[in-house]
C-alpha atoms as a PDB file:
ATOM      1  CA  MET A   1      50.653  18.354  -3.313  1.00  0.00           C
ATOM      2  CA  CYS A   2      47.782  20.159  -1.737  1.00  0.00           C
ATOM      3  CA  ASN A   3      45.290  22.492  -3.048  1.00  0.00           C
ATOM      4  CA  ARG A   4      47.355  25.697  -1.970  1.00  0.00           C
ATOM      5  CA  GLY A   5      50.518  23.769  -4.074  1.00  0.00           C
ATOM      6  CA  HIS A   6      52.236  22.702  -1.467  1.00  0.00           C
ATOM      7  CA  ARG A   7      54.582  19.467  -1.563  1.00  0.00           C
ATOM      8  CA  ALA A   8      54.246  18.813   2.253  1.00  0.00           C
ATOM      9  CA  GLU A   9      53.685  15.182   3.489  1.00  0.00           C
ATOM     10  CA  LYS A  10      49.760  14.559   4.522  1.00  0.00           C
ATOM     11  CA  THR A  11      48.887  13.980   8.445  1.00  0.00           C
ATOM     12  CA  ILE A  12      47.173  10.947   9.749  1.00  0.00           C
ATOM     13  CA  SER A  13      44.075  12.788   9.061  1.00  0.00           C
ATOM     14  CA  GLY A  14      44.859  13.551   5.278  1.00  0.00           C
ATOM     15  CA  ASN A  15      45.512  17.390   5.443  1.00  0.00           C
ATOM     16  CA  CYS A  16      48.330  18.803   4.529  1.00  0.00           C
ATOM     17  CA  LYS A  17      51.203  19.425   6.926  1.00  0.00           C
ATOM     18  CA  SER A  18      52.429  23.024   5.972  1.00  0.00           C
ATOM     19  CA  CYS A  19      48.554  23.942   5.659  1.00  0.00           C
ATOM     20  CA  VAL A  20      48.067  22.326   8.685  1.00  0.00           C
ATOM     21  CA  ALA A  21      51.088  24.328  10.870  1.00  0.00           C
ATOM     22  CA  ILE A  22      49.867  27.498   9.249  1.00  0.00           C
ATOM     23  CA  TYR A  23      46.286  27.210  10.426  1.00  0.00           C
ATOM     24  CA  ASN A  24      47.818  26.199  14.285  1.00  0.00           C
ATOM     25  CA  GLU A  25      50.219  28.914  13.691  1.00  0.00           C
ATOM     26  CA  LYS A  26      47.007  31.630  13.175  1.00  0.00           C
ATOM     27  CA  TRP A  27      44.777  30.270  15.502  1.00  0.00           C
ATOM     28  CA  ARG A  28      47.241  30.591  18.392  1.00  0.00           C
ATOM     29  CA  LYS A  29      47.881  34.242  17.678  1.00  0.00           C
ATOM     30  CA  LYS A  30      44.354  34.736  17.907  1.00  0.00           C
ATOM     31  CA  ASN A  31      43.917  32.809  21.052  1.00  0.00           C
ATOM     32  CA  PRO A  32      47.091  33.506  22.998  1.00  0.00           C
ATOM     33  CA  LYS A  33      46.105  32.269  26.467  1.00  0.00           C
ATOM     34  CA  TYR A  34      44.567  29.447  25.567  1.00  0.00           C
ATOM     35  CA  PHE A  35      47.380  27.063  26.756  1.00  0.00           C
ATOM     36  CA  SER A  36      48.710  29.474  29.515  1.00  0.00           C
ATOM     37  CA  ASP A  37      44.960  29.953  30.635  1.00  0.00           C
ATOM     38  CA  ARG A  38      44.116  25.777  30.651  1.00  0.00           C
ATOM     39  CA  ALA A  39      47.342  25.536  32.454  1.00  0.00           C
ATOM     40  CA  GLN A  40      47.112  27.640  35.440  1.00  0.00           C
ATOM     41  CA  LYS A  41      43.851  26.225  35.920  1.00  0.00           C
ATOM     42  CA  ASP A  42      44.801  22.665  36.309  1.00  0.00           C
ATOM     43  CA  PRO A  43      47.841  22.051  35.837  1.00  0.00           C
ATOM     44  CA  ASP A  44      48.354  17.886  36.683  1.00  0.00           C
ATOM     45  CA  ARG A  45      44.923  17.552  34.145  1.00  0.00           C
ATOM     46  CA  ILE A  46      46.835  16.132  31.162  1.00  0.00           C
ATOM     47  CA  LEU A  47      49.283  14.080  33.417  1.00  0.00           C
ATOM     48  CA  ASP A  48      46.315  13.133  35.474  1.00  0.00           C
ATOM     49  CA  ASN A  49      44.184  12.046  32.222  1.00  0.00           C
ATOM     50  CA  TRP A  50      47.419   9.839  30.926  1.00  0.00           C
ATOM     51  CA  GLN A  51      48.306   7.853  34.305  1.00  0.00           C
ATOM     52  CA  ARG A  52      44.274   7.041  34.669  1.00  0.00           C
ATOM     53  CA  TRP A  53      44.284   5.793  30.867  1.00  0.00           C
ATOM     54  CA  TYR A  54      47.753   4.052  31.271  1.00  0.00           C
ATOM     55  CA  LYS A  55      46.853   2.609  34.918  1.00  0.00           C
ATOM     56  CA  ASN A  56      43.635   1.595  33.584  1.00  0.00           C
ATOM     57  CA  LYS A  57      45.141  -0.444  30.791  1.00  0.00           C
ATOM     58  CA  THR A  58      46.809  -3.897  30.670  1.00  0.00           C
ATOM     59  CA  GLN A  59      50.057  -4.159  28.565  1.00  0.00           C
ATOM     60  CA  ALA A  60      48.858  -6.006  25.464  1.00  0.00           C
ATOM     61  CA  GLN A  61      46.007  -3.290  25.165  1.00  0.00           C
ATOM     62  CA  ARG A  62      48.852  -0.684  25.649  1.00  0.00           C
ATOM     63  CA  ASP A  63      51.073  -2.402  22.952  1.00  0.00           C
ATOM     64  CA  LEU A  64      47.806  -2.316  21.169  1.00  0.00           C
ATOM     65  CA  SER A  65      47.308   1.276  21.269  1.00  0.00           C
ATOM     66  CA  ARG A  66      50.956   2.203  20.385  1.00  0.00           C
ATOM     67  CA  ILE A  67      51.124  -0.244  17.363  1.00  0.00           C
ATOM     68  CA  ARG A  68      48.007   1.838  16.060  1.00  0.00           C
ATOM     69  CA  SER A  69      50.133   4.821  16.540  1.00  0.00           C
ATOM     70  CA  TRP A  70      52.826   3.718  14.368  1.00  0.00           C
ATOM     71  CA  ASN A  71      50.668   1.938  11.802  1.00  0.00           C
ATOM     72  CA  GLN A  72      49.222   5.610  11.661  1.00  0.00           C
ATOM     73  CA  HIS A  73      52.581   7.241  10.956  1.00  0.00           C
ATOM     74  CA  GLY A  74      53.554   4.812   8.356  1.00  0.00           C
ATOM     75  CA  ILE A  75      55.459   1.954  10.505  1.00  0.00           C
ATOM     76  CA  GLU A  76      53.770  -1.205   9.167  1.00  0.00           C
ATOM     77  CA  ILE A  77      53.919  -3.876  12.006  1.00  0.00           C
ATOM     78  CA  SER A  78      51.444  -5.874  13.284  1.00  0.00           C
ATOM     79  CA  LEU A  79      50.544  -7.509  17.071  1.00  0.00           C
ATOM     80  CA  SER A  80      52.016 -10.396  16.095  1.00  0.00           C
ATOM     81  CA  LYS A  81      55.052  -9.652  14.488  1.00  0.00           C
ATOM     82  CA  TYR A  82      55.526  -6.992  17.733  1.00  0.00           C
ATOM     83  CA  ASN A  83      54.964 -10.076  19.724  1.00  0.00           C
ATOM     84  CA  ASN A  84      57.395 -12.325  18.035  1.00  0.00           C
ATOM     85  CA  LEU A  85      59.726  -9.300  17.718  1.00  0.00           C
ATOM     86  CA  LYS A  86      59.778  -8.937  21.549  1.00  0.00           C
ATOM     87  CA  ARG A  87      60.047 -12.813  22.043  1.00  0.00           C
ATOM     88  CA  PHE A  88      62.940 -13.180  19.738  1.00  0.00           C
ATOM     89  CA  GLN A  89      64.986 -10.364  22.102  1.00  0.00           C
ATOM     90  CA  GLN A  90      64.028 -11.530  24.547  1.00  0.00           C
ATOM     91  CA  ASN A  91      61.415  -8.701  26.434  1.00  0.00           C
ATOM     92  CA  LYS A  92      65.138  -6.588  26.035  1.00  0.00           C
ATOM     93  CA  CYS A  93      66.280  -3.314  24.653  1.00  0.00           C
ATOM     94  CA  ALA A  94      67.919  -4.460  20.933  1.00  0.00           C
ATOM     95  CA  ILE A  95      70.591  -1.888  22.162  1.00  0.00           C
ATOM     96  CA  CYS A  96      71.252  -1.786  25.503  1.00  0.00           C
ATOM     97  CA  LYS A  97      70.133  -4.856  26.343  1.00  0.00           C
ATOM     98  CA  LYS A  98      68.030  -3.761  29.335  1.00  0.00           C
ATOM     99  CA  THR A  99      65.183  -5.594  30.410  1.00  0.00           C
ATOM    100  CA  GLU A 100      61.971  -3.254  29.431  1.00  0.00           C
ATOM    101  CA  SER A 101      58.884  -3.222  32.119  1.00  0.00           C
ATOM    102  CA  ARG A 102      56.904  -0.947  29.490  1.00  0.00           C
ATOM    103  CA  SER A 103      56.525  -1.377  25.912  1.00  0.00           C
ATOM    104  CA  LEU A 104      59.138  -1.132  23.468  1.00  0.00           C
ATOM    105  CA  SER A 105      59.720   1.130  20.217  1.00  0.00           C
ATOM    106  CA  VAL A 106      59.830   0.079  17.053  1.00  0.00           C
ATOM    107  CA  ASP A 107      63.290   1.211  15.401  1.00  0.00           C
ATOM    108  CA  HIS A 108      63.025   1.619  11.322  1.00  0.00           C
ATOM    109  CA  ASN A 109      65.139   3.461   9.159  1.00  0.00           C
ATOM    110  CA  HIS A 110      63.120   6.131   8.162  1.00  0.00           C
ATOM    111  CA  ARG A 111      64.121   6.102   4.279  1.00  0.00           C
ATOM    112  CA  THR A 112      63.118   2.521   3.244  1.00  0.00           C
ATOM    113  CA  GLY A 113      60.613   2.002   6.219  1.00  0.00           C
ATOM    114  CA  LYS A 114      62.455  -1.184   7.041  1.00  0.00           C
ATOM    115  CA  ILE A 115      62.137  -2.306  10.784  1.00  0.00           C
ATOM    116  CA  ARG A 116      65.309  -3.144  12.807  1.00  0.00           C
ATOM    117  CA  GLY A 117      64.622  -3.761  16.191  1.00  0.00           C
ATOM    118  CA  LEU A 118      62.746  -2.843  19.514  1.00  0.00           C
ATOM    119  CA  VAL A 119      64.701  -0.615  21.429  1.00  0.00           C
ATOM    120  CA  CYS A 120      64.070   1.196  24.897  1.00  0.00           C
ATOM    121  CA  ARG A 121      62.823   5.098  24.935  1.00  0.00           C
ATOM    122  CA  LYS A 122      66.239   6.221  26.386  1.00  0.00           C
ATOM    123  CA  CYS A 123      68.389   4.208  22.990  1.00  0.00           C
ATOM    124  CA  ASN A 124      65.165   5.131  20.769  1.00  0.00           C
ATOM    125  CA  LEU A 125      66.090   8.879  22.064  1.00  0.00           C
ATOM    126  CA  ILE A 126      69.827   8.533  21.512  1.00  0.00           C
ATOM    127  CA  LEU A 127      69.016   7.187  18.022  1.00  0.00           C
ATOM    128  CA  GLY A 128      66.396  10.095  17.057  1.00  0.00           C
ATOM    129  CA  ASN A 129      68.806  13.012  18.236  1.00  0.00           C
ATOM    130  CA  ALA A 130      71.691  11.824  16.519  1.00  0.00           C
ATOM    131  CA  GLU A 131      68.937  11.135  13.515  1.00  0.00           C
ATOM    132  CA  ASP A 132      70.108   7.721  12.563  1.00  0.00           C
ATOM    133  CA  SER A 133      73.779   9.045  11.836  1.00  0.00           C
ATOM    134  CA  THR A 134      76.541   6.253  12.450  1.00  0.00           C
ATOM    135  CA  ARG A 135      78.926   9.552  11.948  1.00  0.00           C
ATOM    136  CA  VAL A 136      77.565  11.603  14.885  1.00  0.00           C
ATOM    137  CA  LEU A 137      77.352   8.564  17.217  1.00  0.00           C
ATOM    138  CA  THR A 138      80.930   7.340  16.241  1.00  0.00           C
ATOM    139  CA  SER A 139      82.006  10.735  17.044  1.00  0.00           C
ATOM    140  CA  ALA A 140      79.876  10.606  20.279  1.00  0.00           C
ATOM    141  CA  ILE A 141      81.344   7.148  21.209  1.00  0.00           C
ATOM    142  CA  ARG A 142      85.459   8.683  20.357  1.00  0.00           C
ATOM    143  CA  TYR A 143      84.266  12.120  22.521  1.00  0.00           C
ATOM    144  CA  LEU A 144      83.281   9.476  26.006  1.00  0.00           C
ATOM    145  CA  LYS A 145      86.341   7.632  25.662  1.00  0.00           C
ATOM    146  CA  ILE A 146      88.419  10.820  26.095  1.00  0.00           C
ATOM    147  CA  LYS A 147      90.075  10.468  29.675  1.00  0.00           C
END
């Protein structure tokens, strides 16, 4: 519980998520033109920065960066465990079995934190949008089988 009495999770920086959301909302109301002005001045700036960063890194450096991010979000995985999973899955998505040229995402149970495997971006989005619900995914399969 934070000093304001919220029972919210903490952010990476250790602040209460509810307090951060309240602060951000107040800041956006005080500065409504901030994002629109920046976007109008240089709309490709953010994309250019990301592309420059991506081009200058090796695949191993990009994987390490993602692992650090996952660890900050409570997914406990080391670079060696990630690489072992990648080798075990032959650099293929655990769901669609397609070879992924980019980094594979770590799929995990959100309640237990247990790692299930590595999945591609598309399959990770499917699981995320279905909120890991087997009921929703089964229903989607039935829907797709309708002629």
